[in-house]
C-alpha atoms as a PDB file:
ATOM      1  CA  MET A   1      41.686  22.348   8.700  1.00  0.00           C
ATOM      2  CA  LEU A   2      38.479  23.797   7.261  1.00  0.00           C
ATOM      3  CA  ASP A   3      38.706  21.336   4.372  1.00  0.00           C
ATOM      4  CA  ARG A   4      38.814  18.413   6.820  1.00  0.00           C
ATOM      5  CA  VAL A   5      35.688  19.654   8.662  1.00  0.00           C
ATOM      6  CA  ALA A   6      33.813  20.115   5.382  1.00  0.00           C
ATOM      7  CA  GLU A   7      34.949  16.662   4.234  1.00  0.00           C
ATOM      8  CA  PHE A   8      33.706  15.128   7.499  1.00  0.00           C
ATOM      9  CA  PHE A   9      30.255  16.686   7.056  1.00  0.00           C
ATOM     10  CA  ILE A  10      29.950  15.794   3.379  1.00  0.00           C
ATOM     11  CA  PHE A  11      31.259  12.233   3.512  1.00  0.00           C
ATOM     12  CA  GLY A  12      30.661  11.254   7.134  1.00  0.00           C
ATOM     13  CA  LEU A  13      27.815  12.957   8.914  1.00  0.00           C
ATOM     14  CA  VAL A  14      25.427  13.676   6.024  1.00  0.00           C
ATOM     15  CA  PRO A  15      25.245  10.042   4.789  1.00  0.00           C
ATOM     16  CA  LEU A  16      24.765   8.875   8.372  1.00  0.00           C
ATOM     17  CA  VAL A  17      21.850  11.258   8.963  1.00  0.00           C
ATOM     18  CA  VAL A  18      20.260  10.425   5.599  1.00  0.00           C
ATOM     19  CA  GLY A  19      20.605   6.696   6.341  1.00  0.00           C
ATOM     20  CA  VAL A  20      18.927   7.055   9.728  1.00  0.00           C
ATOM     21  CA  LEU A  21      16.072   9.107   8.285  1.00  0.00           C
ATOM     22  CA  ALA A  22      15.530   6.683   5.402  1.00  0.00           C
ATOM     23  CA  VAL A  23      15.005   3.636   7.637  1.00  0.00           C
ATOM     24  CA  PRO A  24      11.268   3.016   8.201  1.00  0.00           C
ATOM     25  CA  GLN A  25       9.967   3.064  11.749  1.00  0.00           C
ATOM     26  CA  VAL A  26      10.312  -0.388  13.262  1.00  0.00           C
ATOM     27  CA  THR A  27       7.850  -1.918  15.708  1.00  0.00           C
ATOM     28  CA  LYS A  28       9.079  -3.205  19.043  1.00  0.00           C
ATOM     29  CA  ALA A  29      11.598  -6.020  18.771  1.00  0.00           C
ATOM     30  CA  GLY A  30       9.888  -9.367  18.381  1.00  0.00           C
ATOM     31  CA  GLU A  31       6.402  -7.860  18.135  1.00  0.00           C
ATOM     32  CA  LYS A  32       3.866  -9.571  15.879  1.00  0.00           C
ATOM     33  CA  THR A  33       0.730  -8.011  14.451  1.00  0.00           C
ATOM     34  CA  ILE A  34      -2.756  -9.158  13.661  1.00  0.00           C
ATOM     35  CA  ALA A  35      -4.557  -7.065  11.071  1.00  0.00           C
ATOM     36  CA  GLY A  36      -7.895  -6.940   9.326  1.00  0.00           C
ATOM     37  CA  GLU A  37     -11.042  -4.901   9.014  1.00  0.00           C
ATOM     38  CA  VAL A  38     -14.247  -4.297  10.909  1.00  0.00           C
ATOM     39  CA  THR A  39     -17.532  -3.789   9.092  1.00  0.00           C
ATOM     40  CA  TYR A  40     -21.272  -3.637   9.710  1.00  0.00           C
ATOM     41  CA  ARG A  41     -24.299  -4.194   7.439  1.00  0.00           C
ATOM     42  CA  GLU A  42     -26.466  -1.237   8.471  1.00  0.00           C
ATOM     43  CA  ARG A  43     -26.487   1.631   5.992  1.00  0.00           C
ATOM     44  CA  ILE A  44     -25.704   4.434   8.401  1.00  0.00           C
ATOM     45  CA  ALA A  45     -22.735   6.729   8.616  1.00  0.00           C
ATOM     46  CA  LEU A  46     -20.553   6.867  11.690  1.00  0.00           C
ATOM     47  CA  PRO A  47     -20.463  10.159  13.582  1.00  0.00           C
ATOM     48  CA  PRO A  48     -17.120  11.986  13.442  1.00  0.00           C
ATOM     49  CA  ASP A  49     -16.431  11.221  17.124  1.00  0.00           C
ATOM     50  CA  ALA A  50     -16.882   7.438  16.797  1.00  0.00           C
ATOM     51  CA  VAL A  51     -14.130   5.182  18.170  1.00  0.00           C
ATOM     52  CA  LEU A  52     -13.381   1.592  17.198  1.00  0.00           C
ATOM     53  CA  VAL A  53     -11.753  -0.636  19.825  1.00  0.00           C
ATOM     54  CA  VAL A  54     -10.437  -4.042  18.753  1.00  0.00           C
ATOM     55  CA  GLU A  55      -8.968  -6.401  21.344  1.00  0.00           C
ATOM     56  CA  LEU A  56      -7.029  -9.642  21.090  1.00  0.00           C
ATOM     57  CA  ALA A  57      -8.125 -11.695  24.087  1.00  0.00           C
ATOM     58  CA  ASP A  58      -7.467 -15.092  25.654  1.00  0.00           C
ATOM     59  CA  VAL A  59     -10.939 -16.641  25.982  1.00  0.00           C
ATOM     60  CA  SER A  60      -9.818 -20.104  27.096  1.00  0.00           C
ATOM     61  CA  LEU A  61     -11.647 -20.144  30.417  1.00  0.00           C
ATOM     62  CA  ALA A  62     -15.426 -20.369  30.008  1.00  0.00           C
ATOM     63  CA  ASP A  63     -16.210 -19.303  33.567  1.00  0.00           C
ATOM     64  CA  ALA A  64     -13.792 -16.352  33.759  1.00  0.00           C
ATOM     65  CA  PRO A  65     -13.505 -12.994  32.028  1.00  0.00           C
ATOM     66  CA  ALA A  66     -11.369 -12.831  28.896  1.00  0.00           C
ATOM     67  CA  ILE A  67      -7.760 -11.728  29.383  1.00  0.00           C
ATOM     68  CA  VAL A  68      -6.924  -8.906  26.968  1.00  0.00           C
ATOM     69  CA  ILE A  69      -3.508  -9.505  25.374  1.00  0.00           C
ATOM     70  CA  ALA A  70      -3.450  -6.318  23.266  1.00  0.00           C
ATOM     71  CA  LYS A  71      -5.830  -3.707  21.927  1.00  0.00           C
ATOM     72  CA  SER A  72      -6.073  -0.949  19.383  1.00  0.00           C
ATOM     73  CA  ARG A  73      -8.183   2.234  19.461  1.00  0.00           C
ATOM     74  CA  ILE A  74      -8.979   3.791  16.097  1.00  0.00           C
ATOM     75  CA  ALA A  75     -10.815   6.975  15.230  1.00  0.00           C
ATOM     76  CA  PRO A  76     -12.302   6.053  11.824  1.00  0.00           C
ATOM     77  CA  THR A  77     -11.628   8.637   9.142  1.00  0.00           C
ATOM     78  CA  GLY A  78     -14.208   7.231   6.736  1.00  0.00           C
ATOM     79  CA  GLN A  79     -16.862   4.589   6.587  1.00  0.00           C
ATOM     80  CA  VAL A  80     -16.695   0.804   6.751  1.00  0.00           C
ATOM     81  CA  PRO A  81     -14.718  -1.296   6.346  1.00  0.00           C
ATOM     82  CA  ILE A  82     -12.390   0.119   9.013  1.00  0.00           C
ATOM     83  CA  LYS A  83      -8.877  -1.305   8.906  1.00  0.00           C
ATOM     84  CA  PHE A  84      -7.105  -2.214  12.150  1.00  0.00           C
ATOM     85  CA  GLU A  85      -3.755  -3.549  13.262  1.00  0.00           C
ATOM     86  CA  ILE A  86      -2.904  -4.817  16.739  1.00  0.00           C
ATOM     87  CA  GLY A  87       0.690  -5.314  17.846  1.00  0.00           C
ATOM     88  CA  PHE A  88       1.288  -7.979  20.503  1.00  0.00           C
ATOM     89  CA  ASP A  89       4.101  -9.915  22.147  1.00  0.00           C
ATOM     90  CA  PRO A  90       4.165 -13.460  20.686  1.00  0.00           C
ATOM     91  CA  LYS A  91       5.429 -14.738  24.069  1.00  0.00           C
ATOM     92  CA  ALA A  92       1.945 -13.966  25.455  1.00  0.00           C
ATOM     93  CA  ILE A  93       0.427 -16.599  23.133  1.00  0.00           C
ATOM     94  CA  HIS A  94       0.387 -20.122  24.583  1.00  0.00           C
ATOM     95  CA  LYS A  95      -0.227 -23.338  22.701  1.00  0.00           C
ATOM     96  CA  GLY A  96      -3.553 -24.998  23.513  1.00  0.00           C
ATOM     97  CA  ARG A  97      -5.299 -21.750  24.499  1.00  0.00           C
ATOM     98  CA  THR A  98      -8.178 -20.100  22.623  1.00  0.00           C
ATOM     99  CA  TYR A  99      -7.874 -16.532  21.330  1.00  0.00           C
ATOM    100  CA  ALA A 100     -10.525 -14.236  19.881  1.00  0.00           C
ATOM    101  CA  LEU A 101     -10.939 -10.752  18.505  1.00  0.00           C
ATOM    102  CA  GLN A 102     -13.461  -8.523  20.248  1.00  0.00           C
ATOM    103  CA  ALA A 103     -14.615  -5.311  18.562  1.00  0.00           C
ATOM    104  CA  ARG A 104     -16.937  -2.429  19.404  1.00  0.00           C
ATOM    105  CA  ILE A 105     -17.702   1.035  18.078  1.00  0.00           C
ATOM    106  CA  THR A 106     -18.684   3.696  20.578  1.00  0.00           C
ATOM    107  CA  VAL A 107     -19.626   7.349  20.487  1.00  0.00           C
ATOM    108  CA  GLY A 108     -18.779   8.837  23.850  1.00  0.00           C
ATOM    109  CA  GLU A 109     -20.263   6.397  26.367  1.00  0.00           C
ATOM    110  CA  ARG A 110     -22.896   5.071  23.919  1.00  0.00           C
ATOM    111  CA  LEU A 111     -22.326   1.680  22.312  1.00  0.00           C
ATOM    112  CA  MET A 112     -23.199   1.802  18.596  1.00  0.00           C
ATOM    113  CA  PHE A 113     -21.911  -1.588  17.365  1.00  0.00           C
ATOM    114  CA  ILE A 114     -20.420  -4.701  18.923  1.00  0.00           C
ATOM    115  CA  ALA A 115     -19.169  -8.093  17.750  1.00  0.00           C
ATOM    116  CA  ASP A 116     -21.795 -10.419  19.198  1.00  0.00           C
ATOM    117  CA  THR A 117     -20.166 -13.693  18.152  1.00  0.00           C
ATOM    118  CA  ASN A 118     -16.902 -15.321  19.187  1.00  0.00           C
ATOM    119  CA  HIS A 119     -14.366 -14.473  16.461  1.00  0.00           C
ATOM    120  CA  GLN A 120     -11.655 -17.066  17.156  1.00  0.00           C
ATOM    121  CA  VAL A 121      -8.203 -16.456  15.682  1.00  0.00           C
ATOM    122  CA  ASP A 122      -4.748 -17.950  15.627  1.00  0.00           C
ATOM    123  CA  PRO A 123      -2.743 -14.799  16.405  1.00  0.00           C
ATOM    124  CA  LEU A 124       0.507 -16.279  15.108  1.00  0.00           C
ATOM    125  CA  ALA A 125      -0.932 -17.286  11.701  1.00  0.00           C
ATOM    126  CA  GLY A 126      -0.770 -13.761  10.270  1.00  0.00           C
ATOM    127  CA  THR A 127      -3.940 -14.127   8.215  1.00  0.00           C
ATOM    128  CA  PRO A 128      -6.103 -11.010   7.692  1.00  0.00           C
ATOM    129  CA  GLN A 129      -9.271 -10.980   9.786  1.00  0.00           C
ATOM    130  CA  ALA A 130     -12.772  -9.689   8.984  1.00  0.00           C
ATOM    131  CA  VAL A 131     -14.923  -8.876  12.003  1.00  0.00           C
ATOM    132  CA  LEU A 132     -18.648  -8.133  11.664  1.00  0.00           C
ATOM    133  CA  VAL A 133     -20.181  -5.876  14.309  1.00  0.00           C
ATOM    134  CA  LYS A 134     -23.897  -5.388  14.910  1.00  0.00           C
ATOM    135  CA  MET A 135     -26.125  -2.883  16.663  1.00  0.00           C
ATOM    136  CA  PRO A 136     -26.850  -3.920  20.256  1.00  0.00           C
ATOM    137  CA  ARG A 137     -30.402  -5.065  20.943  1.00  0.00           C
END
């Protein structure tokens, strides 16, 4: 009987556990991502408590606020460029609408940098994006 239990662990349970642990973490089913980097031209270092927020937004309606589809908050560990990745549901993307990336870097409540131009994207294209942020005036 003891041999059967040992055989079960060696040939049954151990490979199962190793197989589960070896599989990389999967994003939500059907989720797409848009990735890229945010940079700025000023030659200043970010404080250690800086936070980058990048949003994918529907900006189709000129007279209404943008509708945020997905966003990512990143605490930069180094200097620019800062890489980002935003996961979103592709069902939220509708043909004929306009989408843009919005980015800002804050320290506490203080805005340090913001994307001041409309950075239009095709979220389903999968092409890497480069977003330039500037100091607010």
